[in-house]
Protein backbone atom coordinates (compact mmCIF):
# COMPACT_ATOMS: atom_id res chain seq x y z
CA MET A 1 148.88 -159.76 -149.44
CA PRO A 2 147.23 -161.57 -151.83
CA ILE A 3 143.43 -160.83 -150.32
CA THR A 4 142.49 -157.70 -148.57
CA LEU A 5 140.01 -156.23 -146.92
CA THR A 6 139.50 -152.61 -146.77
CA VAL A 7 136.31 -149.56 -146.63
CA ARG A 8 134.72 -147.56 -147.50
CA ASP A 9 131.64 -145.41 -147.57
CA ARG A 10 130.03 -148.17 -145.56
CA ILE A 11 131.62 -150.76 -147.78
CA ALA A 12 133.69 -153.48 -147.22
CA GLU A 13 135.13 -154.93 -149.67
CA ILE A 14 137.44 -158.33 -150.41
CA VAL A 15 139.95 -158.77 -153.17
CA PHE A 16 141.26 -161.87 -154.16
CA ASP A 17 144.92 -161.84 -155.61
CA VAL A 18 146.14 -164.54 -155.97
CA PRO A 19 148.32 -165.39 -159.42
CA PRO A 20 147.74 -167.05 -161.27
CA VAL A 21 144.27 -167.79 -161.30
CA ASN A 22 143.14 -166.92 -158.15
CA ALA A 23 143.27 -170.71 -156.94
CA PHE A 24 143.99 -170.70 -153.15
CA ASP A 25 145.62 -173.73 -151.01
CA SER A 26 144.31 -174.93 -147.96
CA GLU A 27 146.77 -172.07 -145.33
CA THR A 28 145.00 -169.44 -147.78
CA TRP A 29 141.28 -170.79 -147.34
CA ASN A 30 141.90 -170.58 -143.77
CA ALA A 31 142.88 -167.49 -143.95
CA ILE A 32 139.69 -165.53 -145.16
CA PRO A 33 136.97 -166.22 -142.47
CA ALA A 34 138.20 -163.84 -140.29
CA LEU A 35 138.54 -161.11 -142.76
CA LEU A 36 134.77 -161.90 -143.46
CA ARG A 37 134.26 -161.65 -139.60
CA GLN A 38 135.95 -158.87 -139.03
CA ALA A 39 134.29 -157.12 -141.93
CA SER A 40 130.92 -158.27 -140.57
CA GLU A 41 131.51 -157.05 -136.51
CA ASP A 42 131.93 -153.48 -138.21
CA ALA A 43 129.02 -151.25 -137.16
CA GLY A 44 130.18 -149.09 -139.74
CA VAL A 45 130.15 -151.67 -142.79
CA ASN A 46 126.73 -151.53 -144.02
CA VAL A 47 127.76 -154.37 -147.27
CA VAL A 48 130.50 -156.13 -148.14
CA LEU A 49 131.85 -156.32 -151.58
CA ILE A 50 133.94 -159.96 -152.45
CA ARG A 51 135.76 -159.63 -156.29
CA ALA A 52 138.61 -160.48 -157.55
CA GLU A 53 141.99 -158.77 -159.55
CA GLY A 54 143.65 -161.21 -162.32
CA ARG A 55 142.47 -163.22 -165.35
CA GLY A 56 139.11 -164.54 -163.12
CA PHE A 57 137.59 -165.02 -159.94
CA CYS A 58 138.24 -167.91 -158.71
CA GLY A 59 139.91 -170.80 -160.23
CA GLY A 60 138.80 -172.69 -156.95
CA VAL A 61 141.47 -175.50 -154.65
CA ASP A 62 145.12 -175.68 -154.95
CA ILE A 63 145.01 -179.08 -157.25
CA LYS A 64 148.91 -179.26 -156.89
CA GLU A 65 148.86 -178.49 -153.23
CA MET A 66 146.49 -181.60 -152.97
CA GLN A 67 148.38 -183.90 -155.17
CA ALA A 68 151.75 -183.28 -152.96
CA HIS A 69 150.53 -182.81 -149.64
CA PRO A 70 147.30 -185.40 -149.95
CA GLU A 71 147.08 -185.36 -146.26
CA ARG A 72 146.18 -182.24 -146.28
CA ILE A 73 142.88 -182.36 -147.93
CA THR A 74 140.98 -182.39 -144.21
CA LEU A 75 142.72 -179.01 -143.20
CA LEU A 76 141.66 -177.71 -146.93
CA ASN A 77 137.88 -178.69 -145.99
CA ARG A 78 137.79 -177.32 -143.03
CA GLY A 79 139.00 -173.82 -144.52
CA ASN A 80 136.51 -174.49 -147.31
CA TYR A 81 133.81 -174.64 -145.33
CA LEU A 82 134.51 -172.24 -142.69
CA THR A 83 134.99 -169.60 -145.44
CA PHE A 84 131.19 -170.21 -147.75
CA LYS A 85 129.93 -170.61 -143.68
CA ALA A 86 131.29 -167.04 -143.28
CA VAL A 87 129.82 -165.43 -145.92
CA ARG A 88 126.50 -166.79 -145.35
CA ASP A 89 126.47 -165.93 -141.63
CA CYS A 90 128.19 -162.49 -142.09
CA ALA A 91 125.87 -160.60 -140.56
CA VAL A 92 125.53 -157.17 -143.42
CA PRO A 93 124.81 -158.80 -147.46
CA VAL A 94 127.14 -159.68 -149.12
CA VAL A 95 127.41 -158.88 -153.15
CA ALA A 96 129.50 -161.36 -154.91
CA ALA A 97 131.30 -159.44 -158.22
CA VAL A 98 132.51 -162.03 -160.95
CA HIS A 99 134.91 -162.46 -163.54
CA ASN A 100 136.08 -164.95 -165.93
CA PHE A 101 136.59 -168.13 -164.44
CA VAL A 102 134.71 -168.79 -160.89
CA ILE A 103 135.62 -172.56 -160.43
CA GLY A 104 134.75 -174.75 -157.58
CA GLY A 105 135.30 -172.65 -153.85
CA GLY A 106 134.42 -169.90 -156.49
CA ILE A 107 130.74 -171.55 -156.97
CA GLY A 108 131.08 -171.96 -153.21
CA ILE A 109 131.35 -168.65 -152.02
CA CYS A 110 128.87 -167.01 -155.12
CA GLY A 111 126.21 -169.79 -153.67
CA ALA A 112 127.20 -168.93 -150.72
CA SER A 113 126.63 -164.73 -151.02
CA ASP A 114 123.40 -163.03 -151.10
CA THR A 115 123.71 -161.17 -154.77
CA ILE A 116 126.23 -161.70 -157.45
CA ILE A 117 127.07 -159.46 -159.90
CA ALA A 118 128.28 -160.83 -163.42
CA ALA A 119 130.28 -160.14 -166.12
CA ASP A 120 130.24 -160.91 -169.42
CA ASP A 121 132.59 -163.03 -169.87
CA ALA A 122 132.21 -164.61 -166.54
CA TYR A 123 131.22 -168.71 -166.70
CA PHE A 124 130.45 -170.62 -163.25
CA SER A 125 131.71 -174.58 -163.15
CA LEU A 126 132.45 -177.01 -160.62
CA PRO A 127 134.48 -179.42 -162.06
CA GLU A 128 135.43 -181.65 -159.60
CA ILE A 129 134.66 -184.71 -161.60
CA ASP A 130 137.74 -184.03 -163.44
CA ARG A 131 139.71 -183.53 -160.16
CA GLY A 132 139.31 -186.63 -158.08
CA ALA A 133 137.04 -184.16 -156.05
CA MET A 134 133.48 -183.88 -155.05
CA GLY A 135 131.51 -180.73 -153.30
CA GLY A 136 130.62 -177.54 -154.31
CA ALA A 137 126.24 -178.14 -155.70
CA SER A 138 125.41 -177.69 -152.02
CA HIS A 139 126.18 -173.90 -153.00
CA LEU A 140 125.37 -174.57 -156.67
CA SER A 141 121.99 -175.14 -155.51
CA ARG A 142 121.10 -172.09 -153.97
CA MET A 143 121.64 -170.19 -157.33
CA LEU A 144 120.29 -173.15 -159.69
CA PRO A 145 117.55 -175.45 -160.58
CA LEU A 146 118.62 -179.17 -159.48
CA HIS A 147 118.42 -180.46 -163.26
CA LYS A 148 120.53 -178.09 -164.32
CA VAL A 149 123.03 -178.76 -161.12
CA ARG A 150 123.14 -182.32 -161.31
CA ALA A 151 124.27 -181.74 -165.60
CA ALA A 152 126.82 -179.34 -164.38
CA PHE A 153 128.36 -181.74 -161.99
CA PHE A 154 128.12 -184.76 -163.61
CA THR A 155 129.87 -183.38 -167.15
CA GLY A 156 131.98 -180.41 -165.07
CA GLY A 157 130.74 -178.21 -167.64
CA ARG A 158 130.12 -174.27 -167.63
CA ILE A 159 127.27 -171.96 -166.87
CA PRO A 160 127.78 -169.13 -168.79
CA ALA A 161 126.71 -165.83 -166.78
CA GLN A 162 123.58 -165.01 -169.26
CA GLU A 163 122.86 -168.41 -169.03
CA ALA A 164 122.99 -168.55 -165.12
CA TYR A 165 120.87 -164.88 -164.96
CA ARG A 166 118.37 -166.49 -167.01
CA LEU A 167 117.72 -168.77 -164.65
CA GLY A 168 117.67 -166.03 -161.79
CA ALA A 169 121.21 -166.61 -160.18
CA VAL A 170 122.87 -163.63 -161.08
CA GLU A 171 121.55 -159.94 -160.49
CA THR A 172 122.80 -158.50 -163.57
CA VAL A 173 125.19 -159.06 -165.94
CA VAL A 174 127.08 -156.11 -167.40
CA PRO A 175 130.10 -155.76 -169.60
CA ARG A 176 133.01 -156.49 -168.50
CA ALA A 177 134.82 -152.73 -168.32
CA ALA A 178 131.98 -151.94 -166.12
CA LEU A 179 131.74 -154.89 -163.31
CA LEU A 180 133.83 -153.14 -160.95
CA ASP A 181 132.03 -149.58 -161.16
CA GLU A 182 128.58 -151.58 -161.23
CA ALA A 183 129.09 -153.77 -158.34
CA ARG A 184 129.94 -150.59 -156.37
CA ALA A 185 127.07 -148.71 -157.74
CA PHE A 186 124.91 -152.05 -156.13
CA CYS A 187 126.58 -152.02 -152.76
CA ALA A 188 125.90 -147.64 -152.49
CA ALA A 189 122.25 -148.96 -152.66
CA ILE A 190 122.06 -150.98 -149.68
CA ALA A 191 125.06 -149.68 -148.44
CA SER A 192 122.50 -145.76 -147.89
CA LYS A 193 119.90 -148.25 -145.48
CA SER A 194 119.68 -148.66 -142.16
CA ARG A 195 122.28 -150.81 -140.93
CA THR A 196 120.04 -152.51 -137.58
CA ALA A 197 117.21 -153.20 -140.88
CA LEU A 198 120.49 -154.81 -143.36
CA VAL A 199 121.24 -157.05 -140.12
CA ILE A 200 117.66 -157.79 -139.24
CA ALA A 201 116.78 -158.60 -142.76
CA LYS A 202 119.46 -161.16 -142.94
CA GLU A 203 118.90 -162.75 -140.33
CA ALA A 204 115.63 -163.33 -141.17
CA LEU A 205 116.27 -164.17 -144.41
CA ASN A 206 118.65 -167.03 -144.13
CA GLY A 207 116.47 -168.63 -141.36
CA LEU A 208 112.99 -168.57 -144.18
CA GLU A 209 115.71 -171.05 -146.79
CA PRO A 210 113.95 -174.74 -146.76
CA ARG A 211 117.38 -176.48 -146.02
CA ASP A 212 120.61 -176.28 -144.44
CA VAL A 213 122.69 -175.21 -147.10
CA ASP A 214 125.70 -175.89 -144.37
CA ARG A 215 124.82 -179.12 -143.41
CA GLY A 216 124.57 -179.57 -147.03
CA TYR A 217 128.02 -179.02 -147.58
CA ARG A 218 129.24 -181.30 -144.89
CA TRP A 219 127.68 -183.70 -146.18
CA GLU A 220 128.85 -183.08 -149.16
CA GLN A 221 132.72 -183.17 -147.77
CA GLY A 222 132.54 -186.82 -146.24
CA PHE A 223 132.02 -187.36 -149.62
CA THR A 224 135.18 -185.60 -150.77
CA LEU A 225 137.43 -187.39 -148.51
CA GLU A 226 135.42 -190.76 -149.91
CA MET A 227 137.40 -189.70 -153.16
CA TYR A 228 140.37 -188.35 -152.33
CA LEU A 229 141.17 -191.41 -150.49
CA HIS A 230 140.23 -193.60 -153.91
CA ALA A 231 143.28 -194.13 -156.47
CA ASP A 232 140.77 -192.89 -159.46
CA SER A 233 141.70 -189.21 -157.84
CA GLN A 234 145.18 -189.12 -157.31
CA ARG A 235 145.12 -190.28 -161.02
CA ALA A 236 142.92 -187.22 -161.89
CA ARG A 237 144.99 -184.98 -159.91
CA ASP A 238 147.92 -186.20 -161.52
CA ALA A 239 146.34 -185.81 -164.88
CA PHE A 240 145.35 -182.27 -164.37
CA VAL A 241 148.92 -180.88 -163.64
CA GLU A 242 150.56 -182.71 -166.28
CA THR A 243 149.00 -181.44 -168.50
CA GLY A 244 145.81 -179.92 -168.17
CA LYS A 245 143.47 -181.81 -168.81
CA ALA A 246 141.14 -184.82 -167.09
CA ALA A 247 142.06 -188.24 -167.00
CA SER A 248 140.88 -190.75 -168.92
CA PHE A 249 139.09 -193.81 -167.19
C-alpha cells in the first residue's frame, strides 16, 4: 500500500511511499483523510507523525492525471481540501517530518500541521503558477509572512529549510540521515503527555488563530477551478508533462 498507518508507543506514523515523487492522484488524495481520522479517533494515539520514503516528502498532485482527465479537477480539489482539513482537525498534534521537495499539496499538509521537522536538504515550493493551477497560499500563510508567501507564489521559487527555519516555520533543521530519529524523538516528547491535555490544547490553539485556513483554502480553490478552465492551464500542464519545464507565455 503506497500510504500506510502504523501505531507504536502512542505515536501514529503515516508514511507516503508513492514512486517516483510522492505526487498523488485524486483517488489517493481522497483516501488520506480516512487514515487521519483513524489516527485521530484512536484513544491510544497522542501524536501523529507524517513522513515519507523516497526522493522527497511530497510532489503535490499528479499533473499527468490532470492533463489526461481535466474533468477530475473538482474531485482532486475535494481530496486536497479534506486532507488538509483532516490534518488541522486531528484531535492530537500532527508533526510533519520532511525531506527534499515539499511541493504544492505537500505545503498544504505542512501548513495544516502543528510542527515541522525538516532535513537540511528540504525546500518548500508552490510551482502552481507554472502548472496552470492555483492554491496553497492559504496554508503557506500559516508558515511564513505575507510578502514571502507572495514572492514564492508569483515566482514558483523555492524556500530552503534554513530560510523557513529563520522565519519560524520549521521547528528544527537536521541532517537528512538523522531526520527520522529526530522526528520520532520529538513525537515521543509529545506522546508522553496526557492525551486529554493534548486534545484540549489542540482545540484551544486552533480556535485562537486569527483566520480560518480552511475557508481561505476553499476561497483559493474557486480560483483554481477558474484557472483550470483557461487554455493557459492546459498549455502549462502540457509543457510540464512533455518537457518538465514551465511553458513560455
